[in-house]
Amino acid sequence: MPTYSYACTACGHRFDTVQSFSDPTLTECPSCGGALRKVFGLGSVTFNGSGFYRTDSRTGSGSTPSSAAPASSGSNASSSSAPAAS
């Protein structure tokens, strides 16, 4: 069951209460009898399942894919970094 936060508009009293979705909203302050309003805060978000972690999309035992290996080979890097002879 969710926990709702309330604040009194008259005295400023704040409190939390556990209510079912079907329970009516509280309207009267337990301290002074004034009007209540719901206080909305930031909720937490939990992502469950696959695809939310960096390691979920990787294959194998953490090694880089074979298609990325030729880009770092020594023969291509040395020929492109050497100045052209005139």
C-alpha atoms as a PDB file:
ATOM      1  CA  MET A   1       0.000   0.000   0.000  1.00  0.00           C
ATOM      2  CA  PRO A   2       1.305   3.484  -0.801  1.00  0.00           C
ATOM      3  CA  THR A   3       2.341   6.093   1.735  1.00  0.00           C
ATOM      4  CA  TYR A   4       0.876   9.574   1.286  1.00  0.00           C
ATOM      5  CA  SER A   5       2.201  12.819   2.762  1.00  0.00           C
ATOM      6  CA  TYR A   6      -0.209  15.488   3.953  1.00  0.00           C
ATOM      7  CA  ALA A   7       0.238  19.065   5.158  1.00  0.00           C
ATOM      8  CA  CYS A   8      -2.261  21.245   6.995  1.00  0.00           C
ATOM      9  CA  THR A   9      -2.994  24.592   5.348  1.00  0.00           C
ATOM     10  CA  ALA A  10      -3.895  26.167   8.704  1.00  0.00           C
ATOM     11  CA  CYS A  11      -1.184  25.090  11.166  1.00  0.00           C
ATOM     12  CA  GLY A  12       1.478  23.605   8.843  1.00  0.00           C
ATOM     13  CA  HIS A  13       1.421  20.180  10.532  1.00  0.00           C
ATOM     14  CA  ARG A  14       2.956  17.548   8.219  1.00  0.00           C
ATOM     15  CA  PHE A  15       2.513  13.786   8.461  1.00  0.00           C
ATOM     16  CA  ASP A  16       2.610  10.583   6.422  1.00  0.00           C
ATOM     17  CA  THR A  17      -0.031   7.895   6.348  1.00  0.00           C
ATOM     18  CA  VAL A  18      -0.356   4.515   4.656  1.00  0.00           C
ATOM     19  CA  GLN A  19      -3.580   4.299   2.647  1.00  0.00           C
ATOM     20  CA  SER A  20      -5.053   1.949   0.098  1.00  0.00           C
ATOM     21  CA  PHE A  21      -5.857   3.270  -3.379  1.00  0.00           C
ATOM     22  CA  SER A  22      -9.540   2.861  -2.582  1.00  0.00           C
ATOM     23  CA  ASP A  23      -9.388   4.822   0.713  1.00  0.00           C
ATOM     24  CA  PRO A  24     -10.785   8.358   0.592  1.00  0.00           C
ATOM     25  CA  THR A  25      -8.356  11.286   0.762  1.00  0.00           C
ATOM     26  CA  LEU A  26      -7.927  12.786   4.223  1.00  0.00           C
ATOM     27  CA  THR A  27      -9.416  16.279   4.493  1.00  0.00           C
ATOM     28  CA  GLU A  28      -9.136  17.251   8.177  1.00  0.00           C
ATOM     29  CA  CYS A  29      -5.939  17.889  10.157  1.00  0.00           C
ATOM     30  CA  PRO A  30      -5.660  15.629  13.222  1.00  0.00           C
ATOM     31  CA  SER A  31      -3.938  18.439  15.189  1.00  0.00           C
ATOM     32  CA  CYS A  32      -6.127  21.497  14.586  1.00  0.00           C
ATOM     33  CA  GLY A  33      -9.023  20.349  12.381  1.00  0.00           C
ATOM     34  CA  GLY A  34      -7.930  22.564   9.469  1.00  0.00           C
ATOM     35  CA  ALA A  35      -7.933  21.642   5.787  1.00  0.00           C
ATOM     36  CA  LEU A  36      -5.319  19.199   4.494  1.00  0.00           C
ATOM     37  CA  ARG A  37      -3.562  19.018   1.165  1.00  0.00           C
ATOM     38  CA  LYS A  38      -1.515  16.180  -0.301  1.00  0.00           C
ATOM     39  CA  VAL A  39       2.204  16.818  -0.602  1.00  0.00           C
ATOM     40  CA  PHE A  40       3.736  15.338  -3.729  1.00  0.00           C
ATOM     41  CA  GLY A  41       7.414  14.468  -3.681  1.00  0.00           C
ATOM     42  CA  LEU A  42       9.854  12.753  -5.952  1.00  0.00           C
ATOM     43  CA  GLY A  43       9.321   9.052  -6.197  1.00  0.00           C
ATOM     44  CA  SER A  44      11.952   6.460  -6.801  1.00  0.00           C
ATOM     45  CA  VAL A  45      12.182   4.624 -10.104  1.00  0.00           C
ATOM     46  CA  THR A  46      13.346   1.040 -10.402  1.00  0.00           C
ATOM     47  CA  PHE A  47      14.160  -0.488 -13.767  1.00  0.00           C
ATOM     48  CA  ASN A  48      13.781  -4.263 -13.752  1.00  0.00           C
ATOM     49  CA  GLY A  49      14.571  -6.720 -16.494  1.00  0.00           C
ATOM     50  CA  SER A  50      17.270  -6.993 -19.107  1.00  0.00           C
ATOM     51  CA  GLY A  51      18.697  -4.163 -21.163  1.00  0.00           C
ATOM     52  CA  PHE A  52      19.223  -1.593 -18.405  1.00  0.00           C
ATOM     53  CA  TYR A  53      22.860  -2.309 -17.634  1.00  0.00           C
ATOM     54  CA  ARG A  54      25.944  -1.778 -19.796  1.00  0.00           C
ATOM     55  CA  THR A  55      26.855  -5.449 -19.503  1.00  0.00           C
ATOM     56  CA  ASP A  56      23.452  -6.665 -20.736  1.00  0.00           C
ATOM     57  CA  SER A  57      24.208  -5.916 -24.402  1.00  0.00           C
ATOM     58  CA  ARG A  58      27.646  -7.502 -24.424  1.00  0.00           C
ATOM     59  CA  THR A  59      28.323 -10.972 -25.723  1.00  0.00           C
ATOM     60  CA  GLY A  60      31.043 -13.347 -24.599  1.00  0.00           C
ATOM     61  CA  SER A  61      33.181 -12.928 -21.512  1.00  0.00           C
ATOM     62  CA  GLY A  62      33.757  -9.181 -21.663  1.00  0.00           C
ATOM     63  CA  SER A  63      36.082  -9.199 -24.667  1.00  0.00           C
ATOM     64  CA  THR A  64      35.655  -6.672 -27.443  1.00  0.00           C
ATOM     65  CA  PRO A  65      33.885  -7.788 -30.615  1.00  0.00           C
ATOM     66  CA  SER A  66      36.166  -9.024 -33.412  1.00  0.00           C
ATOM     67  CA  SER A  67      34.906  -6.314 -35.802  1.00  0.00           C
ATOM     68  CA  ALA A  68      36.501  -3.585 -33.640  1.00  0.00           C
ATOM     69  CA  ALA A  69      39.950  -5.253 -33.543  1.00  0.00           C
ATOM     70  CA  PRO A  70      41.156  -4.302 -37.103  1.00  0.00           C
ATOM     71  CA  ALA A  71      40.740  -0.573 -36.363  1.00  0.00           C
ATOM     72  CA  SER A  72      43.571  -0.729 -33.819  1.00  0.00           C
ATOM     73  CA  SER A  73      45.983  -2.916 -35.826  1.00  0.00           C
ATOM     74  CA  GLY A  74      49.593  -1.722 -36.046  1.00  0.00           C
ATOM     75  CA  SER A  75      49.982  -1.817 -39.856  1.00  0.00           C
ATOM     76  CA  ASN A  76      47.153   0.649 -40.552  1.00  0.00           C
ATOM     77  CA  ALA A  77      48.156   3.003 -37.755  1.00  0.00           C
ATOM     78  CA  SER A  78      51.817   3.275 -38.816  1.00  0.00           C
ATOM     79  CA  SER A  79      51.085   3.969 -42.478  1.00  0.00           C
ATOM     80  CA  SER A  80      48.534   6.684 -41.718  1.00  0.00           C
ATOM     81  CA  SER A  81      50.696   8.463 -39.151  1.00  0.00           C
ATOM     82  CA  ALA A  82      53.881   8.531 -41.282  1.00  0.00           C
ATOM     83  CA  PRO A  83      54.420  11.687 -43.387  1.00  0.00           C
ATOM     84  CA  ALA A  84      54.299  11.270 -47.152  1.00  0.00           C
ATOM     85  CA  ALA A  85      57.700  11.263 -48.924  1.00  0.00           C
ATOM     86  CA  SER A  86      58.210  13.930 -51.588  1.00  0.00           C
END
